[in-house]
């Protein structure tokens, strides 16, 4: 999927090829970062409790909760989403992957595909498509489940037919039509009967591992598969926070948070390329 990976392939390559900090500066930077993050977590835990609310909700999610549209509250959720998302992404890319696999990360198809679309398309369409697929059905209404299942079928069919996500063909249209009919007539009942906690976690895991379609199956070795599966697993915490945002702030807030998350690496990439 385009921009879904947040252009993390670029960061993996740069982390691998760049000259490292002198050892003592590296240690100092890590200590300061950990101390600052710990202090911020403790301050938030006592003052606003937003992180505590997120952790409690993720542990025991509730489907029909109060929608909080307060801008300050949404911004706090955005802040913690970015902290959690980038903490896990950089922990894996900067430390775990380099420690386990001393080689450049397998290339995905995003960087090449991104050049074919304007910036507004990259910022708007991937968050809209993905939040419709993976966060909209957290309110388990018949119509929302059907729309979500059809969107997921559209995304996965790109991998099945080995074509770009945003290409529309009659094969993919047929798959989406069949999926919509299936879930409108019967499939929604299966999901509504599922315990909500199971559904909440399942949709987050599905969202993370759907990104595997960004890689070429035929060019990956066993080690390559292990690396990308590990990296996508590290995106599950961020997916859970997006689920929290969708249920507490609404689907449009979740889309906006996703857009901001995609905007940051695009901005960094633009600045560093210049």
Protein backbone atom coordinates (compact mmCIF):
# COMPACT_ATOMS: atom_id res chain seq x y z
CA UNK A 1 0.00 0.00 0.00
CA UNK A 2 1.15 3.49 -0.82
CA UNK A 3 2.52 5.53 2.11
CA UNK A 4 1.21 2.99 4.59
CA UNK A 5 4.72 1.99 5.54
CA UNK A 6 5.44 5.63 6.40
CA UNK A 7 8.46 5.36 4.14
CA UNK A 8 10.24 3.41 6.87
CA UNK A 9 12.28 1.56 4.25
CA UNK A 10 14.14 4.83 3.67
CA UNK A 11 14.95 5.09 7.36
CA UNK A 12 16.08 1.46 7.58
CA UNK A 13 18.55 2.02 4.74
CA UNK A 14 19.83 5.28 6.20
CA UNK A 15 20.26 3.72 9.62
CA UNK A 16 22.30 0.95 8.04
CA UNK A 17 24.58 3.03 5.82
CA UNK A 18 25.10 6.14 7.95
CA UNK A 19 28.22 6.62 10.00
CA UNK A 20 27.37 5.96 13.66
CA UNK A 21 27.80 8.49 16.44
CA UNK A 22 30.92 8.21 18.54
CA UNK A 23 30.18 5.59 21.14
CA UNK A 24 30.01 7.93 24.14
CA UNK A 25 27.67 10.34 22.33
CA UNK A 26 25.45 7.43 21.33
CA UNK A 27 25.18 6.28 24.95
CA UNK A 28 24.49 9.82 26.16
CA UNK A 29 21.79 10.29 23.52
CA UNK A 30 20.07 7.03 24.50
CA UNK A 31 20.19 7.91 28.21
CA UNK A 32 18.78 11.41 27.64
CA UNK A 33 16.04 10.06 25.36
CA UNK A 34 15.00 7.35 27.82
CA UNK A 35 15.08 9.77 30.75
CA UNK A 36 13.04 12.36 28.86
CA UNK A 37 10.46 9.82 27.74
CA UNK A 38 10.21 8.37 31.25
CA UNK A 39 9.72 11.82 32.74
CA UNK A 40 7.04 12.67 30.21
CA UNK A 41 5.22 9.39 30.85
CA UNK A 42 5.22 10.02 34.63
CA UNK A 43 4.04 13.61 34.18
CA UNK A 44 1.21 12.58 31.86
CA UNK A 45 0.26 9.68 34.13
CA UNK A 46 -0.26 12.08 37.05
CA UNK A 47 -1.64 15.14 35.24
CA UNK A 48 -3.81 14.06 32.31
CA UNK A 49 -3.88 10.29 32.56
CA UNK A 50 -4.23 9.93 28.78
CA UNK A 51 -1.66 7.17 28.49
CA UNK A 52 -3.33 5.36 31.38
CA UNK A 53 -6.70 5.70 29.64
CA UNK A 54 -5.26 4.32 26.40
CA UNK A 55 -3.66 1.33 28.12
CA UNK A 56 -6.80 0.55 30.10
CA UNK A 57 -8.97 0.83 27.00
CA UNK A 58 -6.69 -1.37 24.90
CA UNK A 59 -6.78 -3.99 27.66
CA UNK A 60 -10.57 -3.82 27.99
CA UNK A 61 -12.01 -2.12 24.89
CA UNK A 62 -15.61 -0.95 24.82
CA UNK A 63 -17.49 -0.59 21.56
CA UNK A 64 -20.13 2.00 22.44
CA UNK A 65 -18.20 4.62 24.36
CA UNK A 66 -18.66 8.38 24.61
CA UNK A 67 -17.35 10.37 21.62
CA UNK A 68 -14.98 13.11 22.80
CA UNK A 69 -14.62 15.83 20.15
CA UNK A 70 -12.61 18.24 22.30
CA UNK A 71 -9.66 19.46 20.21
CA UNK A 72 -7.23 19.39 23.13
CA UNK A 73 -8.21 15.81 23.91
CA UNK A 74 -7.74 14.76 20.28
CA UNK A 75 -4.32 16.43 20.21
CA UNK A 76 -3.29 14.52 23.34
CA UNK A 77 -4.28 11.28 21.67
CA UNK A 78 -2.35 12.33 18.55
CA UNK A 79 0.73 13.08 20.66
CA UNK A 80 0.67 9.69 22.35
CA UNK A 81 0.01 7.91 19.08
CA UNK A 82 3.09 9.50 17.54
CA UNK A 83 5.21 8.71 20.60
CA UNK A 84 4.12 5.07 20.66
CA UNK A 85 4.31 4.66 16.87
CA UNK A 86 7.80 6.09 16.48
CA UNK A 87 9.13 4.51 19.66
CA UNK A 88 8.32 1.03 18.35
CA UNK A 89 9.33 1.80 14.77
CA UNK A 90 12.72 3.21 15.66
CA UNK A 91 13.31 0.61 18.37
CA UNK A 92 12.99 -2.09 15.76
CA UNK A 93 14.69 -0.31 12.85
CA UNK A 94 17.50 1.24 14.89
CA UNK A 95 18.29 -1.53 17.35
CA UNK A 96 16.53 -4.88 17.03
CA UNK A 97 16.79 -5.31 13.26
CA UNK A 98 20.42 -4.16 13.19
CA UNK A 99 21.30 -6.47 16.06
CA UNK A 100 19.64 -9.54 14.53
CA UNK A 101 20.22 -8.94 10.82
CA UNK A 102 23.32 -7.01 9.84
CA UNK A 103 22.17 -6.14 6.30
CA UNK A 104 20.02 -3.54 4.50
CA UNK A 105 16.29 -4.00 4.97
CA UNK A 106 14.34 -5.68 2.11
CA UNK A 107 13.05 -3.14 -0.38
CA UNK A 108 9.33 -2.50 -0.66
CA UNK A 109 7.35 -1.02 -3.54
CA UNK A 110 6.27 2.20 -1.83
CA UNK A 111 9.09 4.54 -2.78
CA UNK A 112 8.69 3.74 -6.48
CA UNK A 113 4.89 3.96 -6.37
CA UNK A 114 4.87 7.27 -4.47
CA UNK A 115 6.49 9.12 -7.36
CA UNK A 116 3.44 8.35 -9.54
CA UNK A 117 1.01 10.29 -7.34
CA UNK A 118 0.77 13.94 -6.20
CA UNK A 119 1.40 14.82 -2.56
CA UNK A 120 -2.28 15.47 -1.75
CA UNK A 121 -3.16 11.98 -2.99
CA UNK A 122 -0.45 10.35 -0.84
CA UNK A 123 -1.58 12.25 2.25
CA UNK A 124 -5.31 11.73 1.82
CA UNK A 125 -6.01 8.42 0.10
CA UNK A 126 -3.99 5.88 2.14
CA UNK A 127 -5.34 7.08 5.54
CA UNK A 128 -8.87 7.26 4.15
CA UNK A 129 -8.66 3.80 2.61
CA UNK A 130 -7.04 2.15 5.63
CA UNK A 131 -9.21 3.76 8.30
CA UNK A 132 -12.30 2.80 6.31
CA UNK A 133 -11.02 -0.77 6.12
CA UNK A 134 -9.66 -1.28 9.62
CA UNK A 135 -11.18 1.28 12.00
CA UNK A 136 -14.66 1.94 10.63
CA UNK A 137 -15.97 -1.55 11.59
CA UNK A 138 -15.01 -1.10 15.24
CA UNK A 139 -18.59 0.16 15.49
CA UNK A 140 -20.12 -3.11 14.38
CA UNK A 141 -23.08 -1.91 12.34
CA UNK A 142 -24.14 -3.98 9.35
CA UNK A 143 -23.38 -1.28 6.79
CA UNK A 144 -20.02 -0.37 8.36
CA UNK A 145 -18.89 -4.00 8.45
CA UNK A 146 -19.88 -4.45 4.81
CA UNK A 147 -18.03 -1.30 3.70
CA UNK A 148 -14.98 -2.37 5.69
CA UNK A 149 -14.93 -5.93 4.33
CA UNK A 150 -15.29 -4.63 0.77
CA UNK A 151 -12.41 -2.18 1.28
CA UNK A 152 -10.20 -4.90 2.75
CA UNK A 153 -11.02 -7.11 -0.24
CA UNK A 154 -10.02 -4.25 -2.53
CA UNK A 155 -6.66 -3.87 -0.73
CA UNK A 156 -5.85 -7.59 -0.58
CA UNK A 157 -6.87 -8.17 -4.19
CA UNK A 158 -3.95 -5.95 -5.22
CA UNK A 159 -1.60 -8.55 -3.77
CA UNK A 160 -3.59 -11.46 -5.18
CA UNK A 161 -3.51 -10.07 -8.72
CA UNK A 162 -0.02 -8.52 -8.37
CA UNK A 163 -1.00 -4.98 -9.23
CA UNK A 164 -0.88 -1.51 -7.62
CA UNK A 165 -3.41 -0.92 -4.86
CA UNK A 166 -5.18 1.92 -6.65
CA UNK A 167 -5.56 0.15 -9.99
CA UNK A 168 -9.17 -0.85 -10.72
CA UNK A 169 -9.89 -3.88 -12.90
CA UNK A 170 -12.93 -6.07 -13.44
CA UNK A 171 -11.22 -8.89 -11.50
CA UNK A 172 -10.92 -6.71 -8.40
CA UNK A 173 -14.40 -5.27 -8.90
CA UNK A 174 -15.79 -8.82 -8.96
CA UNK A 175 -13.96 -9.73 -5.75
CA UNK A 176 -15.26 -6.60 -4.01
CA UNK A 177 -18.83 -7.18 -5.21
CA UNK A 178 -18.79 -10.77 -3.98
CA UNK A 179 -17.36 -9.71 -0.62
CA UNK A 180 -19.98 -6.99 -0.20
CA UNK A 181 -22.83 -9.42 -0.91
CA UNK A 182 -21.39 -12.03 1.44
CA UNK A 183 -20.97 -9.68 4.39
CA UNK A 184 -24.23 -7.80 3.84
CA UNK A 185 -26.25 -11.02 3.85
CA UNK A 186 -24.45 -13.12 6.47
CA UNK A 187 -20.86 -12.13 7.25
CA UNK A 188 -21.75 -9.21 9.50
CA UNK A 189 -23.48 -11.62 11.90
CA UNK A 190 -20.25 -13.57 12.46
CA UNK A 191 -18.45 -10.39 13.45
CA UNK A 192 -21.24 -9.09 15.67
CA UNK A 193 -21.24 -12.36 17.63
CA UNK A 194 -17.50 -12.15 18.26
CA UNK A 195 -16.37 -10.80 21.68
CA UNK A 196 -15.49 -7.16 21.10
CA UNK A 197 -12.06 -7.45 22.69
CA UNK A 198 -11.19 -10.22 20.22
CA UNK A 199 -12.47 -8.15 17.30
CA UNK A 200 -10.61 -5.02 18.46
CA UNK A 201 -7.28 -6.86 18.65
CA UNK A 202 -7.91 -8.92 15.52
CA UNK A 203 -8.50 -5.83 13.38
CA UNK A 204 -5.28 -4.22 14.70
CA UNK A 205 -3.25 -7.34 13.87
CA UNK A 206 -4.89 -7.60 10.44
CA UNK A 207 -4.09 -3.94 9.74
CA UNK A 208 -0.42 -4.43 10.61
CA UNK A 209 0.16 -7.60 8.61
CA UNK A 210 -1.79 -6.43 5.57
CA UNK A 211 1.28 -4.29 4.88
CA UNK A 212 3.08 -7.47 3.81
CA UNK A 213 1.56 -7.00 0.36
CA UNK A 214 4.00 -4.11 -0.10
CA UNK A 215 6.80 -6.63 -0.66
CA UNK A 216 7.56 -8.88 -3.58
CA UNK A 217 6.91 -12.47 -2.52
CA UNK A 218 9.24 -13.95 -5.13
CA UNK A 219 12.31 -11.92 -4.12
CA UNK A 220 12.21 -12.48 -0.36
CA UNK A 221 14.32 -15.07 1.39
CA UNK A 222 13.26 -16.81 4.61
CA UNK A 223 15.31 -14.27 6.55
CA UNK A 224 13.67 -11.45 4.61
CA UNK A 225 10.21 -12.73 5.51
CA UNK A 226 11.21 -12.97 9.16
CA UNK A 227 12.41 -9.37 9.12
CA UNK A 228 9.31 -7.86 7.56
CA UNK A 229 6.98 -9.92 9.76
CA UNK A 230 8.83 -8.68 12.84
CA UNK A 231 8.67 -5.10 11.65
CA UNK A 232 4.95 -5.25 10.92
CA UNK A 233 4.37 -6.81 14.35
CA UNK A 234 5.96 -3.71 15.88
CA UNK A 235 3.17 -1.64 14.29
CA UNK A 236 0.43 -3.36 16.29
CA UNK A 237 0.69 -0.96 19.29
CA UNK A 238 0.16 2.02 16.97
CA UNK A 239 -2.80 0.25 15.36
CA UNK A 240 -4.36 -0.26 18.79
CA UNK A 241 -4.03 3.45 19.57
CA UNK A 242 -5.72 4.29 16.27
CA UNK A 243 -8.55 2.00 17.37
CA UNK A 244 -8.77 3.96 20.61
CA UNK A 245 -8.87 7.21 18.62
CA UNK A 246 -11.62 5.92 16.34
CA UNK A 247 -13.88 4.86 19.21
CA UNK A 248 -13.18 7.86 21.49
CA UNK A 249 -12.94 10.66 18.92
CA UNK A 250 -14.68 9.32 15.82
CA UNK A 251 -13.57 8.03 12.44
CA UNK A 252 -12.60 11.44 11.05
CA UNK A 253 -10.25 12.08 13.97
CA UNK A 254 -8.61 8.70 13.32
CA UNK A 255 -8.16 9.61 9.65
CA UNK A 256 -6.65 12.98 10.60
CA UNK A 257 -4.21 11.36 13.05
CA UNK A 258 -3.20 8.87 10.37
CA UNK A 259 -2.63 11.72 7.92
CA UNK A 260 -0.37 13.57 10.36
CA UNK A 261 1.60 10.38 10.89
CA UNK A 262 2.15 10.05 7.14
CA UNK A 263 3.00 13.74 6.77
CA UNK A 264 5.95 13.63 9.17
CA UNK A 265 8.19 11.19 7.23
CA UNK A 266 7.20 12.85 3.95
CA UNK A 267 8.38 16.17 5.35
CA UNK A 268 11.60 14.68 6.70
CA UNK A 269 12.25 12.94 3.38
CA UNK A 270 11.72 16.22 1.51
CA UNK A 271 14.05 18.14 3.83
CA UNK A 272 16.80 15.53 3.76
CA UNK A 273 16.64 15.14 -0.02
CA UNK A 274 17.18 18.88 -0.38
